[in-house]
Structures are given as C-alpha cells and as structure tokens.
Amino acid sequence: MANTAQARKRARQAVKQNAHNSPQRSTLRTAIKAVRKAIQAGDKAAATAIFQTSVSKIDSIADKKIIHKNKAARHKSRLAAALKALAA
C-alpha cells in the first residue's frame, strides 16, 4: 500500500489510466485480428479495406501514446507484408 500522499495519488491515477487505456489496447488487438482473419480468408479486396481502417486505428492509438510508435509501425509493416504476400 502507498505510504505517502503522492504515492496514493499516483496509485489512483494509475487505476484511472488503466481503465482508459485497456479498452484502447483491446480495440488495437481486435483491429489486427480482423486483418489477419481477412487475409486468411483469402479475400484481397476485403482485407485491403479492413487494413486501411486498422492502420487508422493503430496510428490513433500510437498518437495517444498507449503503444509506442515503433510498435505501431511494426504491426502495420507486418500486416502490409502479409497483405502483399496474399496478392502474390
């Protein structure tokens, strides 16, 4: 348990931040899974459309600093590579 007023306040803030950020991270994971599922289905047109919306969500979450910008770039790169492999 936090012993100082400052530590108690930081603990309260951490709870609030976690409550706000957890659903955002869940949205990110869902967006990534949607693209992967569309790629596995083999529908390039649908996968491309879902990829575009997912990239927007990934960028938005990275801009809010819920995930690091490099992690967002890594996710986008891997999804783009998987989409490109589907075309080939």
N, C-alpha and C. Protein backbone atom coordinates (compact mmCIF):
# COMPACT_ATOMS: atom_id res chain seq x y z
N MET A 1 0.85 -1.18 0.00
CA MET A 1 0.00 0.00 0.00
C MET A 1 0.89 1.23 0.00
N ALA A 2 0.42 2.28 -0.68
CA ALA A 2 1.17 3.52 -0.77
C ALA A 2 1.22 4.21 0.60
N ASN A 3 2.41 4.72 0.92
CA ASN A 3 2.60 5.31 2.24
C ASN A 3 2.49 6.82 2.26
N THR A 4 2.74 7.47 1.14
CA THR A 4 2.70 8.93 1.12
C THR A 4 1.50 9.39 0.30
N ALA A 5 1.15 10.66 0.50
CA ALA A 5 0.03 11.24 -0.25
C ALA A 5 0.31 11.20 -1.74
N GLN A 6 1.55 11.48 -2.11
CA GLN A 6 1.93 11.46 -3.52
C GLN A 6 1.78 10.06 -4.12
N ALA A 7 2.20 9.06 -3.37
CA ALA A 7 2.11 7.68 -3.84
C ALA A 7 0.65 7.24 -3.94
N ARG A 8 -0.17 7.68 -2.99
CA ARG A 8 -1.59 7.34 -3.04
C ARG A 8 -2.24 7.96 -4.27
N LYS A 9 -1.88 9.20 -4.55
CA LYS A 9 -2.44 9.87 -5.72
C LYS A 9 -2.00 9.17 -7.00
N ARG A 10 -0.73 8.81 -7.09
CA ARG A 10 -0.24 8.11 -8.29
C ARG A 10 -0.96 6.77 -8.46
N ALA A 11 -1.26 6.11 -7.35
CA ALA A 11 -1.99 4.83 -7.43
C ALA A 11 -3.40 5.06 -7.97
N ARG A 12 -4.05 6.12 -7.51
CA ARG A 12 -5.39 6.46 -8.02
C ARG A 12 -5.33 6.78 -9.51
N GLN A 13 -4.32 7.55 -9.90
CA GLN A 13 -4.19 7.92 -11.31
C GLN A 13 -3.91 6.70 -12.18
N ALA A 14 -3.12 5.78 -11.66
CA ALA A 14 -2.79 4.57 -12.42
C ALA A 14 -4.05 3.75 -12.68
N VAL A 15 -4.94 3.69 -11.70
CA VAL A 15 -6.19 2.94 -11.87
C VAL A 15 -7.03 3.59 -12.97
N LYS A 16 -7.12 4.93 -12.95
CA LYS A 16 -7.89 5.64 -13.97
C LYS A 16 -7.28 5.45 -15.36
N GLN A 17 -5.97 5.57 -15.44
CA GLN A 17 -5.30 5.43 -16.73
C GLN A 17 -5.47 4.03 -17.28
N ASN A 18 -5.38 3.03 -16.41
CA ASN A 18 -5.55 1.65 -16.84
C ASN A 18 -6.97 1.42 -17.35
N ALA A 19 -7.95 2.00 -16.66
CA ALA A 19 -9.35 1.85 -17.08
C ALA A 19 -9.58 2.50 -18.44
N HIS A 20 -8.85 3.56 -18.74
CA HIS A 20 -9.00 4.23 -20.03
C HIS A 20 -8.22 3.52 -21.13
N ASN A 21 -7.02 3.07 -20.82
CA ASN A 21 -6.14 2.51 -21.85
C ASN A 21 -6.45 1.07 -22.21
N SER A 22 -6.96 0.28 -21.29
CA SER A 22 -7.22 -1.13 -21.56
C SER A 22 -8.19 -1.34 -22.73
N PRO A 23 -9.32 -0.63 -22.77
CA PRO A 23 -10.21 -0.81 -23.93
C PRO A 23 -9.56 -0.36 -25.24
N GLN A 24 -8.68 0.63 -25.17
CA GLN A 24 -7.98 1.10 -26.36
C GLN A 24 -7.07 0.00 -26.90
N ARG A 25 -6.33 -0.64 -26.00
CA ARG A 25 -5.45 -1.74 -26.41
C ARG A 25 -6.27 -2.91 -26.97
N SER A 26 -7.43 -3.15 -26.39
CA SER A 26 -8.31 -4.20 -26.88
C SER A 26 -8.78 -3.88 -28.30
N THR A 27 -9.11 -2.63 -28.56
CA THR A 27 -9.50 -2.20 -29.90
C THR A 27 -8.38 -2.43 -30.90
N LEU A 28 -7.16 -2.14 -30.47
CA LEU A 28 -5.98 -2.37 -31.31
C LEU A 28 -5.86 -3.84 -31.67
N ARG A 29 -5.94 -4.71 -30.68
CA ARG A 29 -5.79 -6.14 -30.91
C ARG A 29 -6.91 -6.67 -31.82
N THR A 30 -8.11 -6.17 -31.62
CA THR A 30 -9.25 -6.58 -32.44
C THR A 30 -9.03 -6.16 -33.89
N ALA A 31 -8.53 -4.96 -34.11
CA ALA A 31 -8.28 -4.47 -35.46
C ALA A 31 -7.24 -5.34 -36.17
N ILE A 32 -6.20 -5.71 -35.44
CA ILE A 32 -5.13 -6.53 -36.02
C ILE A 32 -5.69 -7.92 -36.36
N LYS A 33 -6.49 -8.47 -35.44
CA LYS A 33 -7.07 -9.80 -35.68
C LYS A 33 -8.01 -9.78 -36.88
N ALA A 34 -8.74 -8.69 -37.07
CA ALA A 34 -9.67 -8.59 -38.20
C ALA A 34 -8.92 -8.65 -39.52
N VAL A 35 -7.78 -7.97 -39.59
CA VAL A 35 -6.98 -8.00 -40.82
C VAL A 35 -6.44 -9.40 -41.05
N ARG A 36 -5.90 -10.02 -40.01
CA ARG A 36 -5.35 -11.37 -40.13
C ARG A 36 -6.43 -12.36 -40.61
N LYS A 37 -7.63 -12.21 -40.06
CA LYS A 37 -8.73 -13.10 -40.43
C LYS A 37 -9.11 -12.91 -41.90
N ALA A 38 -9.16 -11.66 -42.35
CA ALA A 38 -9.50 -11.37 -43.75
C ALA A 38 -8.42 -11.91 -44.68
N ILE A 39 -7.16 -11.82 -44.27
CA ILE A 39 -6.06 -12.34 -45.09
C ILE A 39 -6.16 -13.86 -45.18
N GLN A 40 -6.45 -14.51 -44.06
CA GLN A 40 -6.58 -15.97 -44.06
C GLN A 40 -7.75 -16.43 -44.91
N ALA A 41 -8.80 -15.62 -44.97
CA ALA A 41 -9.96 -15.96 -45.79
C ALA A 41 -9.62 -15.88 -47.27
N GLY A 42 -8.57 -15.11 -47.60
CA GLY A 42 -8.11 -15.03 -48.99
C GLY A 42 -8.80 -13.95 -49.81
N ASP A 43 -9.63 -13.13 -49.18
CA ASP A 43 -10.33 -12.07 -49.90
C ASP A 43 -9.49 -10.80 -49.87
N LYS A 44 -8.81 -10.53 -50.98
CA LYS A 44 -7.87 -9.42 -51.03
C LYS A 44 -8.57 -8.07 -50.90
N ALA A 45 -9.71 -7.91 -51.56
CA ALA A 45 -10.43 -6.63 -51.52
C ALA A 45 -10.89 -6.31 -50.10
N ALA A 46 -11.49 -7.28 -49.43
CA ALA A 46 -11.95 -7.07 -48.06
C ALA A 46 -10.77 -6.85 -47.12
N ALA A 47 -9.70 -7.61 -47.32
CA ALA A 47 -8.53 -7.47 -46.46
C ALA A 47 -7.91 -6.09 -46.61
N THR A 48 -7.88 -5.58 -47.84
CA THR A 48 -7.32 -4.24 -48.08
C THR A 48 -8.16 -3.17 -47.40
N ALA A 49 -9.48 -3.29 -47.50
CA ALA A 49 -10.36 -2.31 -46.86
C ALA A 49 -10.22 -2.35 -45.35
N ILE A 50 -10.19 -3.54 -44.78
CA ILE A 50 -10.04 -3.67 -43.33
C ILE A 50 -8.66 -3.18 -42.89
N PHE A 51 -7.65 -3.43 -43.71
CA PHE A 51 -6.29 -2.97 -43.41
C PHE A 51 -6.25 -1.45 -43.29
N GLN A 52 -6.93 -0.76 -44.22
CA GLN A 52 -6.92 0.71 -44.19
C GLN A 52 -7.54 1.24 -42.89
N THR A 53 -8.66 0.68 -42.47
CA THR A 53 -9.28 1.14 -41.24
C THR A 53 -8.44 0.78 -40.02
N SER A 54 -7.80 -0.39 -40.08
CA SER A 54 -6.96 -0.83 -38.96
C SER A 54 -5.73 0.05 -38.81
N VAL A 55 -5.14 0.45 -39.92
CA VAL A 55 -3.98 1.34 -39.88
C VAL A 55 -4.36 2.66 -39.20
N SER A 56 -5.55 3.15 -39.52
CA SER A 56 -6.03 4.38 -38.90
C SER A 56 -6.15 4.21 -37.38
N LYS A 57 -6.71 3.08 -36.96
CA LYS A 57 -6.86 2.83 -35.52
C LYS A 57 -5.50 2.68 -34.84
N ILE A 58 -4.60 1.97 -35.49
CA ILE A 58 -3.26 1.77 -34.92
C ILE A 58 -2.56 3.11 -34.75
N ASP A 59 -2.63 3.97 -35.77
CA ASP A 59 -2.00 5.28 -35.69
C ASP A 59 -2.61 6.14 -34.59
N SER A 60 -3.93 6.07 -34.48
CA SER A 60 -4.62 6.85 -33.46
C SER A 60 -4.18 6.43 -32.06
N ILE A 61 -4.07 5.14 -31.84
CA ILE A 61 -3.67 4.64 -30.52
C ILE A 61 -2.20 4.98 -30.24
N ALA A 62 -1.38 4.96 -31.28
CA ALA A 62 0.03 5.32 -31.10
C ALA A 62 0.16 6.82 -30.81
N ASP A 63 -0.66 7.64 -31.45
CA ASP A 63 -0.62 9.09 -31.22
C ASP A 63 -0.99 9.43 -29.78
N LYS A 64 -1.86 8.61 -29.18
CA LYS A 64 -2.26 8.82 -27.79
C LYS A 64 -1.24 8.24 -26.82
N LYS A 65 -0.18 7.64 -27.37
CA LYS A 65 0.92 7.06 -26.59
C LYS A 65 0.46 5.89 -25.72
N ILE A 66 -0.55 5.18 -26.18
CA ILE A 66 -0.98 3.98 -25.48
C ILE A 66 -0.04 2.85 -25.84
N ILE A 67 0.44 2.85 -27.10
CA ILE A 67 1.53 1.96 -27.50
C ILE A 67 2.62 2.84 -28.12
N HIS A 68 3.82 2.34 -28.15
CA HIS A 68 4.94 3.08 -28.71
C HIS A 68 4.81 3.17 -30.22
N LYS A 69 5.29 4.26 -30.79
CA LYS A 69 5.17 4.47 -32.24
C LYS A 69 5.89 3.40 -33.04
N ASN A 70 6.98 2.87 -32.49
CA ASN A 70 7.70 1.81 -33.20
C ASN A 70 6.90 0.51 -33.20
N LYS A 71 6.19 0.25 -32.13
CA LYS A 71 5.34 -0.94 -32.08
C LYS A 71 4.22 -0.81 -33.10
N ALA A 72 3.66 0.38 -33.20
CA ALA A 72 2.60 0.61 -34.19
C ALA A 72 3.15 0.40 -35.60
N ALA A 73 4.34 0.90 -35.86
CA ALA A 73 4.96 0.75 -37.17
C ALA A 73 5.22 -0.73 -37.47
N ARG A 74 5.65 -1.46 -36.46
CA ARG A 74 5.93 -2.89 -36.64
C ARG A 74 4.65 -3.65 -37.00
N HIS A 75 3.56 -3.35 -36.30
CA HIS A 75 2.29 -4.01 -36.60
C HIS A 75 1.84 -3.70 -38.02
N LYS A 76 1.91 -2.42 -38.40
CA LYS A 76 1.47 -2.03 -39.73
C LYS A 76 2.33 -2.69 -40.80
N SER A 77 3.63 -2.75 -40.57
CA SER A 77 4.55 -3.35 -41.53
C SER A 77 4.26 -4.83 -41.72
N ARG A 78 4.04 -5.53 -40.64
CA ARG A 78 3.78 -6.97 -40.73
C ARG A 78 2.43 -7.25 -41.41
N LEU A 79 1.44 -6.43 -41.11
CA LEU A 79 0.15 -6.61 -41.77
C LEU A 79 0.26 -6.32 -43.26
N ALA A 80 1.00 -5.26 -43.60
CA ALA A 80 1.17 -4.91 -45.02
C ALA A 80 1.91 -6.01 -45.76
N ALA A 81 2.92 -6.60 -45.12
CA ALA A 81 3.68 -7.68 -45.75
C ALA A 81 2.79 -8.91 -45.95
N ALA A 82 1.94 -9.20 -45.00
CA ALA A 82 1.02 -10.34 -45.12
C ALA A 82 0.00 -10.09 -46.23
N LEU A 83 -0.45 -8.85 -46.35
CA LEU A 83 -1.39 -8.49 -47.41
C LEU A 83 -0.73 -8.58 -48.78
N LYS A 84 0.52 -8.16 -48.84
CA LYS A 84 1.27 -8.22 -50.10
C LYS A 84 1.53 -9.69 -50.50
N ALA A 85 1.80 -10.53 -49.52
CA ALA A 85 2.02 -11.95 -49.79
C ALA A 85 0.75 -12.61 -50.31
N LEU A 86 -0.41 -12.10 -49.87
CA LEU A 86 -1.68 -12.64 -50.33
C LEU A 86 -1.86 -12.37 -51.82
N ALA A 87 -1.39 -11.20 -52.25
CA ALA A 87 -1.53 -10.82 -53.66
C ALA A 87 -0.65 -11.68 -54.54
N ALA A 88 0.51 -12.08 -54.03
CA ALA A 88 1.47 -12.84 -54.84
C ALA A 88 1.14 -14.31 -54.95
